[in-house]
């Protein structure tokens, strides 16, 4: 079982991936935690670290990084697209960012979101603006991947609501343990 969870920023990729990992007992690989070093510095060893993290036979990986799409989605046997309405994504990301900023919750490697996130205009510096400006391009990219056959090697699960995500999650079963001799 190798599952890739993709979708726009704020769609709930990490939340769903954590739930999948817990439900079926497989490893959760969060690409953001591998990419962002202390001080939001990009990790120069990102690709080899992702490759190492995906070396196990069963995993669920969340994130949209094009630099490792071949590793993640290319190896996945299931690709889950969280395609929530834009209003829902924006509600979630504003709420999430406000909570993280006020509570100063550590995300990865000492990084925290600050209230300045609400004030910056540059989408590269403001996750809310990033989610707004990237919503349609991300959605178009995944629609195209589905239509042009990029994902024909995998089962594609397209989820348009939390209710659909919950039903899909409820349908999951833990992977079968290997038989005698590891087969």
N, C-alpha and C. Protein backbone atom coordinates (compact mmCIF):
# COMPACT_ATOMS: atom_id res chain seq x y z
N UNK A 1 0.85 -1.17 0.00
CA UNK A 1 0.00 0.00 0.00
C UNK A 1 0.90 1.24 0.00
N UNK A 2 0.84 2.00 -1.09
CA UNK A 2 1.63 3.22 -1.24
C UNK A 2 0.68 4.31 -1.73
N UNK A 3 0.37 5.25 -0.85
CA UNK A 3 -0.67 6.24 -1.12
C UNK A 3 -0.06 7.63 -1.16
N UNK A 4 -0.36 8.37 -2.23
CA UNK A 4 0.02 9.77 -2.36
C UNK A 4 -1.24 10.61 -2.17
N UNK A 5 -1.18 11.59 -1.26
CA UNK A 5 -2.31 12.50 -1.02
C UNK A 5 -1.90 13.88 -1.53
N UNK A 6 -2.65 14.40 -2.50
CA UNK A 6 -2.36 15.70 -3.09
C UNK A 6 -3.61 16.58 -3.03
N UNK A 7 -3.41 17.87 -3.29
CA UNK A 7 -4.50 18.83 -3.30
C UNK A 7 -3.93 20.21 -3.03
N UNK A 8 -4.78 21.19 -3.09
CA UNK A 8 -4.31 22.56 -2.89
C UNK A 8 -3.85 22.77 -1.44
N UNK A 9 -3.07 23.83 -1.24
CA UNK A 9 -2.66 24.21 0.11
C UNK A 9 -3.90 24.43 0.96
N UNK A 10 -3.93 23.84 2.14
CA UNK A 10 -5.06 24.01 3.04
C UNK A 10 -6.21 23.05 2.81
N UNK A 11 -6.06 22.11 1.89
CA UNK A 11 -7.16 21.18 1.60
C UNK A 11 -7.29 20.07 2.63
N UNK A 12 -6.25 19.86 3.44
CA UNK A 12 -6.32 18.82 4.46
C UNK A 12 -5.48 17.59 4.15
N UNK A 13 -4.48 17.75 3.29
CA UNK A 13 -3.63 16.62 2.89
C UNK A 13 -2.97 15.93 4.08
N UNK A 14 -2.33 16.72 4.93
CA UNK A 14 -1.59 16.14 6.06
C UNK A 14 -2.55 15.50 7.05
N UNK A 15 -3.66 16.14 7.31
CA UNK A 15 -4.65 15.58 8.23
C UNK A 15 -5.13 14.22 7.72
N UNK A 16 -5.50 14.15 6.45
CA UNK A 16 -5.97 12.89 5.89
C UNK A 16 -4.86 11.84 5.89
N UNK A 17 -3.65 12.23 5.52
CA UNK A 17 -2.55 11.27 5.49
C UNK A 17 -2.27 10.70 6.88
N UNK A 18 -2.33 11.55 7.90
CA UNK A 18 -2.14 11.06 9.28
C UNK A 18 -3.23 10.06 9.65
N UNK A 19 -4.46 10.37 9.26
CA UNK A 19 -5.57 9.47 9.57
C UNK A 19 -5.40 8.13 8.86
N UNK A 20 -4.96 8.17 7.61
CA UNK A 20 -4.71 6.94 6.85
C UNK A 20 -3.63 6.11 7.55
N UNK A 21 -2.51 6.77 7.88
CA UNK A 21 -1.40 6.07 8.53
C UNK A 21 -1.84 5.40 9.82
N UNK A 22 -2.62 6.13 10.61
CA UNK A 22 -3.09 5.58 11.88
C UNK A 22 -4.06 4.42 11.66
N UNK A 23 -4.96 4.58 10.71
CA UNK A 23 -5.99 3.57 10.48
C UNK A 23 -5.41 2.25 9.99
N UNK A 24 -4.47 2.33 9.04
CA UNK A 24 -3.97 1.09 8.44
C UNK A 24 -2.58 0.69 8.93
N UNK A 25 -1.98 1.52 9.79
CA UNK A 25 -0.71 1.15 10.39
C UNK A 25 0.48 1.20 9.44
N UNK A 26 0.51 2.25 8.60
CA UNK A 26 1.65 2.41 7.70
C UNK A 26 2.35 3.73 8.00
N UNK A 27 3.53 3.89 7.44
CA UNK A 27 4.35 5.08 7.67
C UNK A 27 3.74 6.31 7.01
N UNK A 28 3.78 7.44 7.72
CA UNK A 28 3.35 8.73 7.17
C UNK A 28 4.59 9.53 6.81
N UNK A 29 4.67 9.97 5.57
CA UNK A 29 5.77 10.81 5.09
C UNK A 29 5.17 12.17 4.75
N UNK A 30 5.57 13.19 5.50
CA UNK A 30 5.08 14.55 5.27
C UNK A 30 6.17 15.33 4.54
N UNK A 31 5.93 15.63 3.26
CA UNK A 31 6.96 16.28 2.45
C UNK A 31 7.39 17.63 3.02
N UNK A 32 6.45 18.40 3.55
CA UNK A 32 6.82 19.70 4.13
C UNK A 32 7.88 19.55 5.21
N UNK A 33 7.77 18.52 6.03
CA UNK A 33 8.72 18.34 7.13
C UNK A 33 10.11 17.97 6.62
N UNK A 34 10.19 17.37 5.44
CA UNK A 34 11.48 17.04 4.85
C UNK A 34 12.07 18.23 4.09
N UNK A 35 11.20 19.06 3.53
CA UNK A 35 11.67 20.18 2.70
C UNK A 35 12.16 21.37 3.51
N UNK A 36 11.44 21.72 4.58
CA UNK A 36 11.74 22.94 5.34
C UNK A 36 12.70 22.66 6.49
N UNK A 37 13.93 23.14 6.34
CA UNK A 37 14.88 23.10 7.45
C UNK A 37 14.63 24.29 8.36
N UNK A 38 15.41 24.41 9.42
CA UNK A 38 15.28 25.53 10.35
C UNK A 38 15.34 26.85 9.59
N UNK A 39 14.49 27.79 10.01
CA UNK A 39 14.44 29.11 9.37
C UNK A 39 13.80 29.06 7.99
N UNK A 40 12.98 28.06 7.74
CA UNK A 40 12.29 27.88 6.47
C UNK A 40 13.26 27.72 5.30
N UNK A 41 14.46 27.24 5.59
CA UNK A 41 15.47 27.04 4.56
C UNK A 41 15.17 25.77 3.78
N UNK A 42 15.16 25.84 2.44
CA UNK A 42 14.94 24.62 1.66
C UNK A 42 16.07 23.60 1.89
N UNK A 43 15.70 22.35 1.97
CA UNK A 43 16.63 21.26 2.24
C UNK A 43 17.34 20.85 0.94
N UNK A 44 18.65 21.02 0.85
CA UNK A 44 19.36 20.61 -0.37
C UNK A 44 19.36 19.09 -0.56
N UNK A 45 19.07 18.35 0.50
CA UNK A 45 19.03 16.88 0.43
C UNK A 45 17.60 16.36 0.35
N UNK A 46 16.68 17.22 -0.06
CA UNK A 46 15.25 16.87 -0.09
C UNK A 46 14.99 15.61 -0.90
N UNK A 47 15.41 15.59 -2.14
CA UNK A 47 15.11 14.45 -3.01
C UNK A 47 15.66 13.13 -2.46
N UNK A 48 16.95 13.06 -2.08
CA UNK A 48 17.43 11.78 -1.53
C UNK A 48 16.72 11.38 -0.24
N UNK A 49 16.33 12.36 0.57
CA UNK A 49 15.61 12.03 1.81
C UNK A 49 14.22 11.49 1.51
N UNK A 50 13.56 12.05 0.50
CA UNK A 50 12.25 11.53 0.11
C UNK A 50 12.41 10.10 -0.42
N UNK A 51 13.41 9.90 -1.25
CA UNK A 51 13.66 8.56 -1.80
C UNK A 51 13.88 7.55 -0.68
N UNK A 52 14.65 7.91 0.32
CA UNK A 52 14.89 7.02 1.46
C UNK A 52 13.61 6.76 2.25
N UNK A 53 12.81 7.80 2.44
CA UNK A 53 11.56 7.66 3.20
C UNK A 53 10.57 6.74 2.50
N UNK A 54 10.64 6.71 1.17
CA UNK A 54 9.69 5.89 0.40
C UNK A 54 10.25 4.51 0.07
N UNK A 55 11.38 4.15 0.66
CA UNK A 55 11.99 2.85 0.39
C UNK A 55 11.25 1.70 1.06
N UNK A 56 10.34 2.01 1.96
CA UNK A 56 9.57 0.97 2.64
C UNK A 56 8.42 0.51 1.74
N UNK A 57 7.89 -0.70 1.97
CA UNK A 57 6.85 -1.22 1.08
C UNK A 57 5.48 -0.56 1.27
N UNK A 58 5.24 0.08 2.40
CA UNK A 58 3.93 0.68 2.64
C UNK A 58 4.10 2.07 3.25
N UNK A 59 3.41 3.05 2.68
CA UNK A 59 3.50 4.42 3.17
C UNK A 59 2.32 5.24 2.65
N UNK A 60 2.10 6.36 3.32
CA UNK A 60 1.19 7.39 2.82
C UNK A 60 1.98 8.69 2.87
N UNK A 61 2.01 9.40 1.75
CA UNK A 61 2.83 10.60 1.62
C UNK A 61 1.95 11.76 1.18
N UNK A 62 2.06 12.88 1.89
CA UNK A 62 1.26 14.05 1.50
C UNK A 62 2.15 15.17 1.01
N UNK A 63 1.68 15.85 -0.02
CA UNK A 63 2.40 17.01 -0.55
C UNK A 63 2.37 17.07 -2.06
N UNK A 64 2.67 18.27 -2.57
CA UNK A 64 2.56 18.55 -4.01
C UNK A 64 3.88 18.85 -4.69
N UNK A 65 5.00 18.59 -4.08
CA UNK A 65 6.28 19.04 -4.61
C UNK A 65 6.59 18.41 -5.97
N UNK A 66 6.67 19.25 -7.00
CA UNK A 66 6.98 18.77 -8.36
C UNK A 66 8.35 18.11 -8.43
N UNK A 67 9.29 18.59 -7.62
CA UNK A 67 10.66 18.07 -7.65
C UNK A 67 10.74 16.59 -7.29
N UNK A 68 9.73 16.06 -6.62
CA UNK A 68 9.74 14.64 -6.24
C UNK A 68 8.47 13.92 -6.69
N UNK A 69 7.73 14.53 -7.61
CA UNK A 69 6.49 13.91 -8.09
C UNK A 69 6.74 12.54 -8.69
N UNK A 70 7.85 12.38 -9.41
CA UNK A 70 8.15 11.08 -10.00
C UNK A 70 8.39 10.02 -8.93
N UNK A 71 8.99 10.42 -7.82
CA UNK A 71 9.24 9.47 -6.73
C UNK A 71 7.96 9.12 -6.00
N UNK A 72 7.15 10.12 -5.71
CA UNK A 72 5.96 9.90 -4.89
C UNK A 72 4.83 9.33 -5.73
N UNK A 73 4.32 10.12 -6.66
CA UNK A 73 3.18 9.66 -7.43
C UNK A 73 3.56 8.55 -8.41
N UNK A 74 4.82 8.56 -8.85
CA UNK A 74 5.28 7.49 -9.73
C UNK A 74 5.32 6.13 -9.05
N UNK A 75 5.53 6.10 -7.74
CA UNK A 75 5.60 4.84 -6.98
C UNK A 75 4.29 4.49 -6.28
N UNK A 76 3.38 5.44 -6.22
CA UNK A 76 2.12 5.22 -5.50
C UNK A 76 1.24 4.22 -6.25
N UNK A 77 0.55 3.38 -5.49
CA UNK A 77 -0.46 2.53 -6.11
C UNK A 77 -1.85 3.16 -5.98
N UNK A 78 -1.95 4.18 -5.13
CA UNK A 78 -3.19 4.95 -4.97
C UNK A 78 -2.83 6.42 -4.89
N UNK A 79 -3.52 7.25 -5.67
CA UNK A 79 -3.34 8.70 -5.62
C UNK A 79 -4.67 9.30 -5.20
N UNK A 80 -4.65 9.98 -4.06
CA UNK A 80 -5.85 10.61 -3.52
C UNK A 80 -5.76 12.11 -3.78
N UNK A 81 -6.76 12.65 -4.47
CA UNK A 81 -6.81 14.08 -4.75
C UNK A 81 -7.90 14.69 -3.87
N UNK A 82 -7.49 15.59 -2.98
CA UNK A 82 -8.46 16.34 -2.18
C UNK A 82 -8.84 17.57 -3.00
N UNK A 83 -10.02 17.54 -3.57
CA UNK A 83 -10.50 18.60 -4.46
C UNK A 83 -11.69 19.30 -3.83
N UNK A 84 -11.44 19.92 -2.69
CA UNK A 84 -12.50 20.61 -1.97
C UNK A 84 -12.81 21.94 -2.65
N UNK A 85 -14.02 22.47 -2.46
CA UNK A 85 -14.34 23.79 -3.02
C UNK A 85 -13.41 24.86 -2.47
N UNK A 86 -13.17 25.88 -3.28
CA UNK A 86 -12.24 26.93 -2.88
C UNK A 86 -12.66 27.59 -1.56
N UNK A 87 -13.96 27.83 -1.38
CA UNK A 87 -14.41 28.48 -0.14
C UNK A 87 -14.04 27.64 1.08
N UNK A 88 -14.14 26.31 0.95
CA UNK A 88 -13.82 25.42 2.07
C UNK A 88 -12.31 25.45 2.36
N UNK A 89 -11.51 25.39 1.30
CA UNK A 89 -10.05 25.44 1.46
C UNK A 89 -9.64 26.75 2.12
N UNK A 90 -10.20 27.86 1.66
CA UNK A 90 -9.81 29.16 2.21
C UNK A 90 -10.25 29.28 3.68
N UNK A 91 -11.42 28.78 4.00
CA UNK A 91 -11.87 28.79 5.40
C UNK A 91 -10.90 27.99 6.26
N UNK A 92 -10.52 26.82 5.78
CA UNK A 92 -9.61 25.96 6.54
C UNK A 92 -8.23 26.59 6.70
N UNK A 93 -7.71 27.20 5.64
CA UNK A 93 -6.34 27.71 5.73
C UNK A 93 -6.27 28.97 6.58
N UNK A 94 -7.31 29.82 6.53
CA UNK A 94 -7.32 31.00 7.40
C UNK A 94 -7.40 30.55 8.86
N UNK A 95 -8.29 29.62 9.15
CA UNK A 95 -8.45 29.12 10.51
C UNK A 95 -7.16 28.45 11.00
N UNK A 96 -6.58 27.61 10.17
CA UNK A 96 -5.35 26.91 10.53
C UNK A 96 -4.21 27.89 10.77
N UNK A 97 -4.04 28.85 9.88
CA UNK A 97 -2.94 29.80 9.99
C UNK A 97 -3.12 30.70 11.20
N UNK A 98 -4.33 31.14 11.45
CA UNK A 98 -4.59 31.97 12.63
C UNK A 98 -4.27 31.19 13.90
N UNK A 99 -4.73 29.94 13.98
CA UNK A 99 -4.44 29.11 15.15
C UNK A 99 -2.96 28.88 15.35
N UNK A 100 -2.27 28.54 14.28
CA UNK A 100 -0.82 28.31 14.38
C UNK A 100 -0.09 29.58 14.79
N UNK A 101 -0.53 30.72 14.25
CA UNK A 101 0.14 31.99 14.54
C UNK A 101 -0.06 32.41 15.98
N UNK A 102 -1.29 32.31 16.45
CA UNK A 102 -1.59 32.74 17.82
C UNK A 102 -0.95 31.82 18.86
N UNK A 103 -0.96 30.52 18.58
CA UNK A 103 -0.41 29.55 19.53
C UNK A 103 1.10 29.36 19.36
N UNK A 104 1.64 29.92 18.29
CA UNK A 104 3.08 29.79 17.99
C UNK A 104 3.50 28.31 17.98
N UNK A 105 2.66 27.49 17.39
CA UNK A 105 2.88 26.05 17.31
C UNK A 105 4.03 25.74 16.35
N UNK A 106 4.97 24.92 16.80
CA UNK A 106 6.07 24.52 15.92
C UNK A 106 5.55 23.56 14.86
N UNK A 107 5.95 23.82 13.63
CA UNK A 107 5.55 22.96 12.53
C UNK A 107 6.62 21.91 12.26
N UNK A 108 7.77 22.34 11.76
CA UNK A 108 8.87 21.44 11.46
C UNK A 108 10.16 22.16 11.74
N UNK A 109 11.08 21.48 12.36
CA UNK A 109 12.46 21.97 12.53
C UNK A 109 12.52 23.37 13.13
N UNK A 110 11.66 23.64 14.09
CA UNK A 110 11.67 24.94 14.77
C UNK A 110 10.90 26.03 14.06
N UNK A 111 10.33 25.76 12.91
CA UNK A 111 9.60 26.77 12.14
C UNK A 111 8.19 26.98 12.69
N UNK A 112 7.80 28.24 12.70
CA UNK A 112 6.47 28.63 13.16
C UNK A 112 5.90 29.65 12.20
N UNK A 113 4.58 29.64 12.06
CA UNK A 113 3.92 30.69 11.29
C UNK A 113 3.64 31.85 12.23
N UNK A 114 3.84 33.07 11.75
CA UNK A 114 3.58 34.25 12.56
C UNK A 114 2.41 35.05 12.02
N UNK A 115 1.95 36.01 12.80
CA UNK A 115 0.84 36.85 12.35
C UNK A 115 1.21 37.67 11.12
N UNK A 116 2.50 37.87 10.88
CA UNK A 116 2.94 38.56 9.67
C UNK A 116 2.46 37.86 8.41
N UNK A 117 2.13 36.58 8.54
CA UNK A 117 1.59 35.82 7.41
C UNK A 117 0.36 36.50 6.82
N UNK A 118 -0.41 37.17 7.66
CA UNK A 118 -1.62 37.83 7.20
C UNK A 118 -1.33 39.15 6.51
N UNK A 119 -0.14 39.73 6.73
CA UNK A 119 0.16 41.07 6.26
C UNK A 119 0.97 41.09 4.97
N UNK A 120 1.69 40.04 4.67
CA UNK A 120 2.54 40.03 3.48
C UNK A 120 1.70 39.83 2.22
N UNK A 121 2.06 40.55 1.17
CA UNK A 121 1.31 40.45 -0.08
C UNK A 121 1.84 39.34 -0.98
N UNK A 122 3.13 39.07 -0.90
CA UNK A 122 3.78 38.07 -1.75
C UNK A 122 3.30 36.67 -1.37
N UNK A 123 2.70 35.93 -2.31
CA UNK A 123 2.24 34.58 -1.99
C UNK A 123 3.35 33.65 -1.49
N UNK A 124 4.58 33.92 -1.86
CA UNK A 124 5.70 33.10 -1.36
C UNK A 124 5.92 33.32 0.13
N UNK A 125 5.40 34.42 0.67
CA UNK A 125 5.58 34.78 2.08
C UNK A 125 4.26 34.71 2.87
N UNK A 126 3.18 34.35 2.20
CA UNK A 126 1.85 34.37 2.82
C UNK A 126 1.10 33.12 2.36
N UNK A 127 0.96 32.14 3.23
CA UNK A 127 0.34 30.87 2.87
C UNK A 127 -1.12 31.05 2.45
N UNK A 128 -1.79 32.06 2.98
CA UNK A 128 -3.19 32.29 2.61
C UNK A 128 -3.27 32.77 1.16
N UNK A 129 -2.43 33.73 0.80
CA UNK A 129 -2.39 34.19 -0.60
C UNK A 129 -1.89 33.08 -1.52
N UNK A 130 -0.95 32.27 -1.03
CA UNK A 130 -0.47 31.14 -1.82
C UNK A 130 -1.63 30.20 -2.14
N UNK A 131 -2.42 29.87 -1.14
CA UNK A 131 -3.56 28.98 -1.35
C UNK A 131 -4.55 29.58 -2.34
N UNK A 132 -4.78 30.88 -2.24
CA UNK A 132 -5.73 31.55 -3.14
C UNK A 132 -5.22 31.53 -4.59
N UNK A 133 -3.97 31.94 -4.78
CA UNK A 133 -3.44 32.07 -6.14
C UNK A 133 -3.12 30.72 -6.78
N UNK A 134 -2.82 29.71 -6.00
CA UNK A 134 -2.43 28.41 -6.54
C UNK A 134 -3.59 27.41 -6.64
N UNK A 135 -4.76 27.78 -6.13
CA UNK A 135 -5.89 26.84 -6.11
C UNK A 135 -6.20 26.30 -7.51
N UNK A 136 -6.48 27.19 -8.45
CA UNK A 136 -6.85 26.73 -9.80
C UNK A 136 -5.70 26.08 -10.56
N UNK A 137 -4.47 26.63 -10.52
CA UNK A 137 -3.38 25.93 -11.22
C UNK A 137 -3.13 24.51 -10.69
N UNK A 138 -3.20 24.33 -9.38
CA UNK A 138 -3.00 22.99 -8.81
C UNK A 138 -4.12 22.06 -9.27
N UNK A 139 -5.34 22.54 -9.22
CA UNK A 139 -6.48 21.73 -9.64
C UNK A 139 -6.36 21.34 -11.12
N UNK A 140 -6.00 22.30 -11.96
CA UNK A 140 -5.84 22.01 -13.40
C UNK A 140 -4.73 20.98 -13.64
N UNK A 141 -3.64 21.10 -12.88
CA UNK A 141 -2.52 20.15 -13.04
C UNK A 141 -2.98 18.73 -12.74
N UNK A 142 -3.77 18.55 -11.69
CA UNK A 142 -4.19 17.20 -11.33
C UNK A 142 -5.29 16.68 -12.25
N UNK A 143 -6.16 17.55 -12.71
CA UNK A 143 -7.14 17.13 -13.71
C UNK A 143 -6.43 16.66 -14.98
N UNK A 144 -5.42 17.41 -15.41
CA UNK A 144 -4.66 17.04 -16.61
C UNK A 144 -3.93 15.71 -16.41
N UNK A 145 -3.33 15.51 -15.25
CA UNK A 145 -2.61 14.26 -14.98
C UNK A 145 -3.56 13.07 -15.06
N UNK A 146 -4.76 13.26 -14.56
CA UNK A 146 -5.76 12.18 -14.62
C UNK A 146 -6.17 11.92 -16.06
N UNK A 147 -6.40 12.99 -16.82
CA UNK A 147 -6.89 12.86 -18.19
C UNK A 147 -5.83 12.36 -19.17
N UNK A 148 -4.58 12.77 -19.00
CA UNK A 148 -3.56 12.41 -20.00
C UNK A 148 -2.86 11.09 -19.71
N UNK A 149 -3.28 10.38 -18.69
CA UNK A 149 -2.74 9.05 -18.43
C UNK A 149 -1.52 8.98 -17.54
N UNK A 150 -1.10 10.12 -16.98
CA UNK A 150 0.07 10.12 -16.09
C UNK A 150 -0.13 9.20 -14.89
N UNK A 151 -1.36 9.00 -14.51
CA UNK A 151 -1.65 8.22 -13.30
C UNK A 151 -2.32 6.88 -13.60
N UNK A 152 -2.21 6.41 -14.83
CA UNK A 152 -2.86 5.15 -15.19
C UNK A 152 -2.33 3.95 -14.40
N UNK A 153 -1.14 4.06 -13.83
CA UNK A 153 -0.54 2.96 -13.06
C UNK A 153 -1.17 2.81 -11.67
N UNK A 154 -1.97 3.80 -11.26
CA UNK A 154 -2.49 3.82 -9.89
C UNK A 154 -4.01 3.96 -9.88
N UNK A 155 -4.58 3.57 -8.76
CA UNK A 155 -5.99 3.87 -8.53
C UNK A 155 -6.06 5.35 -8.14
N UNK A 156 -6.94 6.10 -8.78
CA UNK A 156 -7.10 7.52 -8.47
C UNK A 156 -8.41 7.70 -7.72
N UNK A 157 -8.31 8.31 -6.53
CA UNK A 157 -9.48 8.56 -5.69
C UNK A 157 -9.65 10.07 -5.62
N UNK A 158 -10.76 10.57 -6.16
CA UNK A 158 -11.01 12.01 -6.23
C UNK A 158 -12.05 12.35 -5.17
N UNK A 159 -11.64 13.09 -4.14
CA UNK A 159 -12.52 13.41 -3.02
C UNK A 159 -12.89 14.88 -3.05
N UNK A 160 -14.20 15.17 -3.06
CA UNK A 160 -14.67 16.55 -3.19
C UNK A 160 -15.26 17.13 -1.90
N UNK A 161 -15.25 16.34 -0.83
CA UNK A 161 -15.81 16.84 0.43
C UNK A 161 -15.21 16.06 1.59
N UNK A 162 -15.39 16.60 2.79
CA UNK A 162 -14.96 15.88 3.99
C UNK A 162 -15.76 14.59 4.15
N UNK A 163 -17.01 14.62 3.77
CA UNK A 163 -17.85 13.43 3.88
C UNK A 163 -17.29 12.31 2.98
N UNK A 164 -16.96 12.66 1.73
CA UNK A 164 -16.36 11.66 0.84
C UNK A 164 -15.04 11.14 1.40
N UNK A 165 -14.23 12.03 1.94
CA UNK A 165 -12.95 11.62 2.52
C UNK A 165 -13.18 10.66 3.68
N UNK A 166 -14.15 10.95 4.53
CA UNK A 166 -14.47 10.07 5.65
C UNK A 166 -14.93 8.70 5.20
N UNK A 167 -15.77 8.66 4.18
CA UNK A 167 -16.24 7.36 3.66
C UNK A 167 -15.08 6.56 3.07
N UNK A 168 -14.21 7.25 2.33
CA UNK A 168 -13.06 6.55 1.76
C UNK A 168 -12.16 6.02 2.87
N UNK A 169 -11.89 6.84 3.87
CA UNK A 169 -11.05 6.43 4.99
C UNK A 169 -11.65 5.21 5.69
N UNK A 170 -12.96 5.22 5.90
CA UNK A 170 -13.64 4.09 6.54
C UNK A 170 -13.52 2.80 5.73
N UNK A 171 -13.33 2.93 4.42
CA UNK A 171 -13.25 1.74 3.57
C UNK A 171 -11.87 1.08 3.58
N UNK A 172 -10.88 1.75 4.15
CA UNK A 172 -9.51 1.23 4.12
C UNK A 172 -9.32 0.07 5.09
N UNK A 173 -8.53 -0.88 4.65
CA UNK A 173 -8.15 -2.03 5.48
C UNK A 173 -6.63 -2.07 5.57
N UNK A 174 -6.09 -2.51 6.71
CA UNK A 174 -4.63 -2.64 6.81
C UNK A 174 -4.11 -3.58 5.72
N UNK A 175 -2.88 -3.34 5.25
CA UNK A 175 -2.31 -4.24 4.24
C UNK A 175 -2.12 -5.64 4.81
N UNK A 176 -2.20 -6.62 3.94
CA UNK A 176 -1.98 -8.01 4.35
C UNK A 176 -0.52 -8.18 4.76
N UNK A 177 -0.28 -8.88 5.87
CA UNK A 177 1.13 -9.15 6.24
C UNK A 177 1.76 -10.08 5.20
N UNK A 178 3.08 -9.98 5.02
CA UNK A 178 3.74 -10.87 4.06
C UNK A 178 3.56 -12.33 4.46
N UNK A 179 3.47 -13.18 3.46
CA UNK A 179 3.34 -14.61 3.71
C UNK A 179 4.68 -15.21 4.11
N UNK A 180 4.71 -16.53 4.26
CA UNK A 180 5.98 -17.20 4.59
C UNK A 180 7.04 -16.87 3.54
N UNK A 181 8.23 -16.59 4.00
CA UNK A 181 9.32 -16.25 3.09
C UNK A 181 9.27 -14.81 2.61
N UNK A 182 8.38 -13.98 3.21
CA UNK A 182 8.31 -12.57 2.86
C UNK A 182 7.52 -12.27 1.60
N UNK A 183 6.77 -13.25 1.10
CA UNK A 183 6.01 -13.03 -0.14
C UNK A 183 4.62 -12.53 0.14
